[in-house]
Amino acid sequence: RCLDCVQGPTSCRECLVDSHRNNPFHQIEVWVDNHFARSSLDSLGQCLDLGHNGDTCPNAPRDADGIHEASDGRRFTIVHLNGVHSMRVRLCHCLHDKPELDQLLEARLFPATLKQPMTAFTFAFLDDFQIHNRTSHKSMYDHYDAIRRKT
């Protein structure tokens, strides 16, 4: 079940991942033994695909069986309003594809570095920090630490 969806139904893993294709930062719980336990969409196999409205790029590398290679996605740490998320991110591989930086920015992710980024901040997190900084002079470290504690 999703903790961030309003009246989100309890559903199977495949349906949960599919329904969160464009909401990859939602917090979820999975049924373990006789209770719900915190988990992540990444642990259920979700990968954030860029450039095709959440669908896997049709030109993404495939293995011999025609299945998208799991190694194609790069592991990212993404900081969002509700916590710090670890997930794979796959870029668009079309002939007209844009540079990695442009694809991340269009997905509203601000990379921590320009070369081979592995950490990104959502624009929502950065906007929230700006509000907190201007009203209470909170430092980025304090804002990040508060978000980290939500994870």
Protein backbone atom coordinates (compact mmCIF):
# COMPACT_ATOMS: atom_id res chain seq x y z
CA ARG A 1 0.00 0.00 0.00
CA CYS A 2 1.07 3.56 -0.63
CA LEU A 3 1.34 5.93 2.33
CA ASP A 4 1.28 9.06 0.13
CA CYS A 5 -1.73 8.31 -2.08
CA VAL A 6 -5.04 9.61 -0.77
CA GLN A 7 -7.36 6.62 -0.36
CA GLY A 8 -4.87 4.46 -2.24
CA PRO A 9 -6.04 0.87 -2.34
CA THR A 10 -3.96 -2.06 -1.17
CA SER A 11 -2.77 -3.79 -4.33
CA CYS A 12 -0.36 -6.37 -5.69
CA ARG A 13 3.29 -5.46 -6.33
CA GLU A 14 2.93 -5.18 -10.11
CA CYS A 15 -0.11 -2.89 -9.88
CA LEU A 16 1.55 -0.76 -7.20
CA VAL A 17 4.68 -0.25 -9.32
CA ASP A 18 2.63 0.42 -12.47
CA SER A 19 0.37 2.95 -10.74
CA HIS A 20 3.45 4.83 -9.45
CA ARG A 21 5.29 5.11 -12.74
CA ASN A 22 4.99 8.91 -12.51
CA ASN A 23 5.10 9.07 -8.69
CA PRO A 24 8.34 7.22 -7.96
CA PHE A 25 9.02 8.98 -4.64
CA HIS A 26 5.93 7.78 -2.78
CA GLN A 27 6.52 5.85 0.44
CA ILE A 28 5.09 2.34 0.49
CA GLU A 29 4.56 -0.56 2.84
CA VAL A 30 4.45 -4.26 1.97
CA TRP A 31 2.75 -7.08 3.83
CA VAL A 32 5.33 -9.21 5.65
CA ASP A 33 4.18 -12.15 7.78
CA ASN A 34 1.32 -10.52 9.74
CA HIS A 35 2.02 -6.79 9.43
CA PHE A 36 2.90 -3.96 7.04
CA ALA A 37 6.59 -3.03 6.87
CA ARG A 38 8.25 -0.01 5.23
CA SER A 39 9.66 -0.72 1.81
CA SER A 40 10.40 1.12 -1.42
CA LEU A 41 9.20 1.05 -4.99
CA ASP A 42 12.80 0.36 -5.98
CA SER A 43 12.80 -2.88 -3.96
CA LEU A 44 9.73 -3.92 -5.99
CA GLY A 45 11.65 -3.42 -9.23
CA GLN A 46 10.66 0.09 -10.23
CA CYS A 47 13.10 2.05 -12.36
CA LEU A 48 12.67 5.74 -13.15
CA ASP A 49 12.62 5.93 -16.95
CA LEU A 50 13.31 9.34 -18.47
CA GLY A 51 12.12 10.73 -21.78
CA HIS A 52 8.98 8.69 -22.50
CA ASN A 53 6.43 9.78 -19.85
CA GLY A 54 7.55 7.01 -17.49
CA ASP A 55 7.72 4.26 -20.11
CA THR A 56 10.99 2.50 -20.90
CA CYS A 57 12.74 3.94 -23.94
CA PRO A 58 12.05 1.67 -26.94
CA ASN A 59 15.74 1.99 -27.85
CA ALA A 60 17.06 0.97 -24.43
CA PRO A 61 19.64 -1.84 -24.53
CA ARG A 62 18.17 -5.35 -24.35
CA ASP A 63 19.63 -8.73 -23.50
CA ALA A 64 19.57 -11.76 -25.83
CA ASP A 65 15.96 -12.56 -24.81
CA GLY A 66 14.76 -9.06 -25.70
CA ILE A 67 14.33 -8.00 -22.08
CA HIS A 68 15.59 -4.60 -20.94
CA GLU A 69 18.91 -5.00 -19.20
CA ALA A 70 18.68 -4.31 -15.48
CA SER A 71 22.25 -3.00 -15.52
CA ASP A 72 21.15 -0.27 -17.92
CA GLY A 73 19.82 1.85 -15.06
CA ARG A 74 22.26 3.74 -12.88
CA ARG A 75 21.68 3.74 -9.12
CA PHE A 76 20.80 7.23 -7.88
CA THR A 77 20.22 8.72 -4.46
CA ILE A 78 17.34 11.17 -4.85
CA VAL A 79 16.34 13.62 -2.13
CA HIS A 80 12.64 14.50 -2.14
CA LEU A 81 10.26 16.14 0.35
CA ASN A 82 9.30 12.85 2.00
CA GLY A 83 12.77 11.33 2.34
CA VAL A 84 15.92 10.11 0.65
CA HIS A 85 15.27 7.51 -2.03
CA SER A 86 17.59 5.04 -3.72
CA MET A 87 16.49 3.99 -7.20
CA ARG A 88 17.69 3.10 -10.66
CA VAL A 89 17.34 5.77 -13.34
CA ARG A 90 17.36 4.91 -17.05
CA LEU A 91 18.02 7.53 -19.68
CA CYS A 92 16.42 7.86 -23.09
CA HIS A 93 18.49 6.22 -25.84
CA CYS A 94 16.68 7.58 -28.88
CA LEU A 95 18.67 9.09 -31.75
CA HIS A 96 17.37 12.52 -30.81
CA ASP A 97 18.09 11.97 -27.11
CA LYS A 98 19.29 14.85 -25.06
CA PRO A 99 22.37 14.96 -22.85
CA GLU A 100 22.00 13.32 -19.45
CA LEU A 101 21.92 16.68 -17.66
CA ASP A 102 19.03 17.89 -19.83
CA GLN A 103 17.06 14.68 -19.28
CA LEU A 104 17.47 14.93 -15.52
CA LEU A 105 16.47 18.59 -15.46
CA GLU A 106 13.38 17.91 -17.60
CA ALA A 107 12.42 15.25 -15.05
CA ARG A 108 12.71 18.01 -12.42
CA LEU A 109 15.81 16.44 -10.87
CA PHE A 110 18.82 18.65 -10.11
CA PRO A 111 22.02 16.58 -10.16
CA ALA A 112 24.62 17.08 -7.43
CA THR A 113 27.44 16.90 -10.00
CA LEU A 114 27.64 17.41 -13.74
CA LYS A 115 29.78 14.36 -14.66
CA GLN A 116 28.31 10.92 -13.94
CA PRO A 117 25.83 12.14 -11.28
CA MET A 118 24.63 9.61 -8.74
CA THR A 119 22.77 12.02 -6.46
CA ALA A 120 19.97 14.40 -7.36
CA PHE A 121 17.53 16.70 -5.59
CA THR A 122 13.94 17.12 -6.75
CA PHE A 123 12.90 20.64 -7.65
CA ALA A 124 10.18 20.30 -4.99
CA PHE A 125 12.86 19.71 -2.33
CA LEU A 126 14.89 22.71 -3.53
CA ASP A 127 11.79 24.95 -3.62
CA ASP A 128 10.88 23.83 -0.09
CA PHE A 129 14.41 24.57 1.12
CA GLN A 130 14.27 28.05 -0.40
CA ILE A 131 11.06 28.84 1.50
CA HIS A 132 12.49 27.54 4.78
CA ASN A 133 15.78 29.37 4.25
CA ARG A 134 14.14 32.70 3.51
CA THR A 135 11.65 32.55 6.37
CA SER A 136 13.67 30.90 9.14
CA HIS A 137 17.26 31.04 7.81
CA LYS A 138 17.50 27.27 8.03
CA SER A 139 20.71 25.91 6.53
CA MET A 140 20.72 23.33 3.74
CA TYR A 141 22.36 20.87 6.15
CA ASP A 142 19.52 21.26 8.67
CA HIS A 143 16.87 20.99 5.96
CA TYR A 144 18.48 17.85 4.49
CA ASP A 145 18.90 16.34 7.95
CA ALA A 146 15.19 16.84 8.70
CA ILE A 147 14.24 15.18 5.38
CA ARG A 148 16.72 12.35 5.99
CA ARG A 149 15.04 11.60 9.32
CA LYS A 150 11.74 11.02 7.49
CA THR A 151 13.31 8.14 5.57
